[in-house]
Amino acid sequence: MAQQDVWEKEYDEKKLVGGDKPAASFRAFVKWFKKEARKKRTEEEPYSDGFVFQGMNILDLGSGEGKNALYCAERGGSVVGVEIARNAVETAIRSAKLKDREIRVAKGLLDYELGSIGEKFNISTASQDIVLDVTSSNSLNEAERAIYLSETARVLKTGGLFFVRALCKDGDSNAKQLVKDFPGGEKDTYTMPDLGLTERVFTEADFRELYGSEFTILKLDKEFHYTRFQDRTYKRAFWIAYLQK
């Protein structure tokens, strides 16, 4: 699978990945979803803030060590995580076992699959209420990205939501320098020195064109974070998108 060795090395060394809590942008998405859910629930179908994902199927693409999948399962969701790095999947499974009580109390389910999100998903058509991509598809090549998008559209229910956090080129001088100095071979890509990881960054126009071909863009914001790599701190930009089928 594409870049599997690179990601397994990264999960061993943790130069980029880390933290045991979901990204703030994903937690903000959950808060937004709670507000939307409150509007739709009736007295016959009472709403619970704690179990906001009760009865919902959620697919976590590039699930890593499982922090986002766990977060959703603890809130009642039935979650499948797909991850390319075998060691990350093993860690995620161990974490799920430690959290089993919380998941059972929420009546959530949790499973992980080893695989690439740039290949056909082992998921039934129109079966998912929510799909997550929290900075995972950035390392796909163009052919894999086309499969990832069409497969996400296939597995989402009509009206289902797609949360995306992607690398942004606009306003990110570091990203532009990486593309210039270490070109990855495809549009707006770079191969990170030392890591060997190839990533894609998006302008707003490119993001809207790509994702807008399959989904309705409900919200698209830009956010900045500081990333530390090789004893240096870099300001990085990200797209935060709420999409709907």
Protein backbone atom coordinates (compact mmCIF):
# COMPACT_ATOMS: atom_id res chain seq x y z
CA MET A 1 0.00 0.00 0.00
CA ALA A 2 1.18 3.51 -0.83
CA GLN A 3 3.53 4.99 1.76
CA GLN A 4 2.71 2.30 4.32
CA ASP A 5 6.35 1.96 5.39
CA VAL A 6 6.66 5.73 5.77
CA TRP A 7 3.61 5.95 8.03
CA GLU A 8 4.63 2.97 10.13
CA LYS A 9 8.01 4.62 10.70
CA GLU A 10 6.23 7.86 11.62
CA TYR A 11 4.04 6.10 14.19
CA ASP A 12 7.18 4.55 15.67
CA GLU A 13 9.10 7.82 15.86
CA LYS A 14 6.19 10.31 16.15
CA LYS A 15 7.88 13.28 14.52
CA LEU A 16 4.56 14.66 13.26
CA VAL A 17 1.69 12.72 14.82
CA GLY A 18 0.93 12.90 18.50
CA GLY A 19 -1.54 13.83 21.19
CA ASP A 20 -4.33 11.74 22.64
CA LYS A 21 -7.17 14.22 22.10
CA PRO A 22 -9.02 14.95 18.85
CA ALA A 23 -8.07 18.16 17.05
CA ALA A 24 -9.90 21.28 18.22
CA SER A 25 -11.41 21.67 14.75
CA PHE A 26 -12.98 18.22 14.97
CA ARG A 27 -14.33 18.90 18.46
CA ALA A 28 -15.85 22.10 17.06
CA PHE A 29 -17.50 20.03 14.34
CA VAL A 30 -19.03 17.79 17.01
CA LYS A 31 -20.40 20.85 18.84
CA TRP A 32 -21.90 22.12 15.58
CA PHE A 33 -23.38 18.69 14.95
CA LYS A 34 -24.95 18.69 18.44
CA LYS A 35 -26.74 21.95 17.67
CA GLU A 36 -28.03 20.58 14.36
CA ALA A 37 -29.11 17.33 16.04
CA ARG A 38 -31.08 19.21 18.71
CA LYS A 39 -33.10 20.94 16.01
CA LYS A 40 -34.09 17.64 14.40
CA ARG A 41 -34.89 15.50 17.44
CA THR A 42 -38.48 15.28 18.66
CA GLU A 43 -40.04 14.47 22.02
CA GLU A 44 -40.65 10.93 20.77
CA GLU A 45 -36.92 10.65 19.93
CA PRO A 46 -35.20 12.41 22.84
CA TYR A 47 -31.77 13.93 22.33
CA SER A 48 -28.80 13.26 24.59
CA ASP A 49 -25.74 15.53 24.49
CA GLY A 50 -23.60 12.73 25.85
CA PHE A 51 -24.56 10.24 23.17
CA VAL A 52 -24.83 12.62 20.25
CA PHE A 53 -23.87 9.90 17.73
CA GLN A 54 -26.26 7.26 19.08
CA GLY A 55 -27.55 5.03 16.29
CA MET A 56 -25.16 6.48 13.70
CA ASN A 57 -22.54 4.80 11.53
CA ILE A 58 -19.25 6.68 11.28
CA LEU A 59 -16.25 5.94 9.05
CA ASP A 60 -12.89 7.37 10.19
CA LEU A 61 -10.48 7.52 7.24
CA GLY A 62 -6.84 7.36 8.26
CA SER A 63 -7.82 6.63 11.85
CA GLY A 64 -4.25 6.50 13.18
CA GLU A 65 -4.08 5.38 16.80
CA GLY A 66 -7.83 5.80 17.19
CA LYS A 67 -8.39 9.03 19.13
CA ASN A 68 -11.16 10.33 16.82
CA ALA A 69 -12.84 6.94 16.46
CA LEU A 70 -12.81 6.46 20.24
CA TYR A 71 -14.26 9.92 20.76
CA CYS A 72 -17.19 9.07 18.49
CA ALA A 73 -17.75 5.57 19.89
CA GLU A 74 -17.85 6.91 23.45
CA ARG A 75 -20.65 9.17 22.26
CA GLY A 76 -22.71 6.30 20.91
CA GLY A 77 -21.50 5.97 17.34
CA SER A 78 -20.82 2.71 15.54
CA VAL A 79 -17.37 3.46 14.15
CA VAL A 80 -15.03 1.81 11.67
CA GLY A 81 -11.50 3.17 11.39
CA VAL A 82 -9.36 2.51 8.32
CA GLU A 83 -5.61 3.00 8.74
CA ILE A 84 -2.59 2.16 6.56
CA ALA A 85 -0.02 1.78 9.39
CA ARG A 86 -0.17 -1.61 11.06
CA ASN A 87 1.47 -0.39 14.29
CA ALA A 88 -1.10 2.43 14.57
CA VAL A 89 -3.95 -0.07 14.18
CA GLU A 90 -2.44 -2.26 16.90
CA THR A 91 -2.21 0.74 19.25
CA ALA A 92 -5.79 1.74 18.44
CA ILE A 93 -7.07 -1.74 19.26
CA ARG A 94 -5.26 -1.72 22.62
CA SER A 95 -6.71 1.69 23.42
CA ALA A 96 -10.20 0.49 22.54
CA LYS A 97 -9.87 -2.42 24.94
CA LEU A 98 -8.90 -0.04 27.75
CA LYS A 99 -11.93 2.12 26.93
CA ASP A 100 -14.34 -0.77 26.43
CA ARG A 101 -16.52 0.12 29.42
CA GLU A 102 -17.17 3.68 28.19
CA ILE A 103 -17.99 2.39 24.71
CA ARG A 104 -20.42 -0.21 26.06
CA VAL A 105 -22.14 2.36 28.28
CA ALA A 106 -22.63 4.55 25.20
CA LYS A 107 -23.82 1.47 23.26
CA GLY A 108 -21.25 2.36 20.63
CA LEU A 109 -19.30 -0.12 18.54
CA LEU A 110 -15.72 0.22 17.36
CA ASP A 111 -13.68 -1.67 14.79
CA TYR A 112 -10.45 -1.06 12.88
CA GLU A 113 -9.29 -2.23 9.47
CA LEU A 114 -5.78 -2.21 8.01
CA GLY A 115 -5.95 -0.65 4.57
CA SER A 116 -5.37 2.35 2.35
CA ILE A 117 -8.05 5.01 2.01
CA GLY A 118 -6.90 5.37 -1.60
CA GLU A 119 -8.36 1.95 -2.42
CA LYS A 120 -11.92 0.58 -2.50
CA PHE A 121 -13.52 0.70 0.95
CA ASN A 122 -14.79 -2.51 2.54
CA ILE A 123 -17.98 -0.63 3.49
CA SER A 124 -21.54 -1.04 2.21
CA THR A 125 -23.04 1.54 -0.12
CA ALA A 126 -25.10 4.33 1.51
CA SER A 127 -24.40 2.95 5.00
CA GLN A 128 -22.57 5.81 6.73
CA ASP A 129 -24.02 8.87 8.43
CA ILE A 130 -20.66 10.61 8.84
CA VAL A 131 -17.21 10.20 7.26
CA LEU A 132 -14.11 11.76 8.84
CA ASP A 133 -10.85 12.75 7.19
CA VAL A 134 -8.77 14.53 9.81
CA THR A 135 -5.62 15.41 7.84
CA SER A 136 -5.37 11.90 6.39
CA SER A 137 -5.86 12.15 2.62
CA ASN A 138 -3.02 14.66 2.18
CA SER A 139 -0.58 11.82 1.41
CA LEU A 140 -2.66 10.25 -1.39
CA ASN A 141 -1.61 10.62 -5.00
CA GLU A 142 -4.07 11.89 -7.60
CA ALA A 143 -5.29 8.44 -8.67
CA GLU A 144 -5.82 7.39 -5.04
CA ARG A 145 -7.53 10.68 -4.23
CA ALA A 146 -10.07 10.12 -6.99
CA ILE A 147 -10.91 6.70 -5.51
CA TYR A 148 -11.11 8.14 -1.98
CA LEU A 149 -13.60 10.78 -3.09
CA SER A 150 -15.80 8.47 -5.15
CA GLU A 151 -15.78 5.83 -2.40
CA THR A 152 -16.68 8.38 0.26
CA ALA A 153 -19.60 9.53 -1.87
CA ARG A 154 -20.64 5.90 -2.39
CA VAL A 155 -20.70 4.90 1.29
CA LEU A 156 -22.35 8.08 2.62
CA LYS A 157 -26.11 8.16 2.98
CA THR A 158 -27.97 10.92 1.16
CA GLY A 159 -27.66 13.93 3.44
CA GLY A 160 -24.68 12.37 5.22
CA LEU A 161 -21.82 14.58 6.43
CA PHE A 162 -18.14 14.56 5.50
CA PHE A 163 -15.66 16.35 7.80
CA VAL A 164 -12.33 17.21 6.18
CA ARG A 165 -9.20 18.80 7.59
CA ALA A 166 -6.70 19.27 4.75
CA LEU A 167 -3.41 21.03 4.20
CA CYS A 168 -3.78 24.57 2.85
CA LYS A 169 -1.41 26.33 0.46
CA ASP A 170 -2.96 29.79 0.66
CA GLY A 171 -1.13 31.92 3.21
CA ASP A 172 1.30 29.13 4.14
CA SER A 173 4.82 30.23 3.23
CA ASN A 174 6.32 27.01 4.57
CA ALA A 175 4.10 24.88 2.33
CA LYS A 176 4.99 26.98 -0.71
CA GLN A 177 8.70 26.64 0.09
CA LEU A 178 8.40 22.86 0.47
CA VAL A 179 6.65 22.59 -2.91
CA LYS A 180 9.44 24.66 -4.47
CA ASP A 181 12.40 22.97 -2.80
CA PHE A 182 11.17 19.36 -2.59
CA PRO A 183 8.62 18.83 -5.40
CA GLY A 184 6.65 15.61 -5.13
CA GLY A 185 5.97 14.99 -8.81
CA GLU A 186 2.29 16.02 -8.91
CA LYS A 187 0.56 19.39 -8.60
CA ASP A 188 1.22 21.20 -5.31
CA THR A 189 2.97 18.25 -3.68
CA TYR A 190 6.25 17.97 -1.81
CA THR A 191 8.24 15.08 -0.37
CA MET A 192 9.34 15.86 3.16
CA PRO A 193 13.10 15.52 3.59
CA ASP A 194 14.20 12.78 6.00
CA LEU A 195 10.66 11.41 6.37
CA GLY A 196 10.11 10.59 2.71
CA LEU A 197 6.41 11.46 3.09
CA THR A 198 4.73 13.03 0.05
CA GLU A 199 1.86 15.44 0.77
CA ARG A 200 -0.55 17.62 -1.20
CA VAL A 201 -1.53 21.18 -0.27
CA PHE A 202 -4.62 22.90 -1.69
CA THR A 203 -5.52 26.39 -2.77
CA GLU A 204 -9.11 27.35 -2.02
CA ALA A 205 -10.01 27.17 -5.71
CA ASP A 206 -8.56 23.67 -6.05
CA PHE A 207 -10.25 22.45 -2.88
CA ARG A 208 -13.65 23.76 -3.96
CA GLU A 209 -13.29 22.28 -7.42
CA LEU A 210 -12.20 18.86 -6.17
CA TYR A 211 -14.59 18.38 -3.26
CA GLY A 212 -17.42 20.38 -4.80
CA SER A 213 -17.60 17.86 -7.65
CA GLU A 214 -18.95 15.20 -5.24
CA PHE A 215 -20.35 17.13 -2.25
CA THR A 216 -22.09 20.31 -1.21
CA ILE A 217 -19.71 22.52 0.75
CA LEU A 218 -21.60 23.71 3.84
CA LYS A 219 -18.63 25.44 5.43
CA LEU A 220 -15.00 26.08 4.47
CA ASP A 221 -12.67 27.89 6.86
CA LYS A 222 -8.94 28.31 7.16
CA GLU A 223 -7.05 27.85 10.42
CA PHE A 224 -3.39 28.13 11.41
CA HIS A 225 -1.34 26.00 13.77
CA TYR A 226 2.30 25.78 14.73
CA THR A 227 4.06 22.53 13.90
CA ARG A 228 7.43 21.56 15.38
CA PHE A 229 9.74 19.51 13.15
CA GLN A 230 13.51 18.95 13.40
CA ASP A 231 13.84 21.43 16.27
CA ARG A 232 12.11 24.20 14.31
CA THR A 233 8.61 25.62 14.60
CA TYR A 234 6.59 26.25 11.46
CA LYS A 235 3.27 28.04 11.00
CA ARG A 236 0.99 25.79 8.96
CA ALA A 237 -2.41 26.43 7.38
CA PHE A 238 -5.31 23.98 7.17
CA TRP A 239 -8.71 23.88 5.47
CA ILE A 240 -11.62 22.90 7.71
CA ALA A 241 -14.59 21.76 5.64
CA TYR A 242 -18.08 20.53 6.46
CA LEU A 243 -19.45 18.73 3.40
CA GLN A 244 -22.73 17.01 2.66
CA LYS A 245 -23.79 14.40 0.15
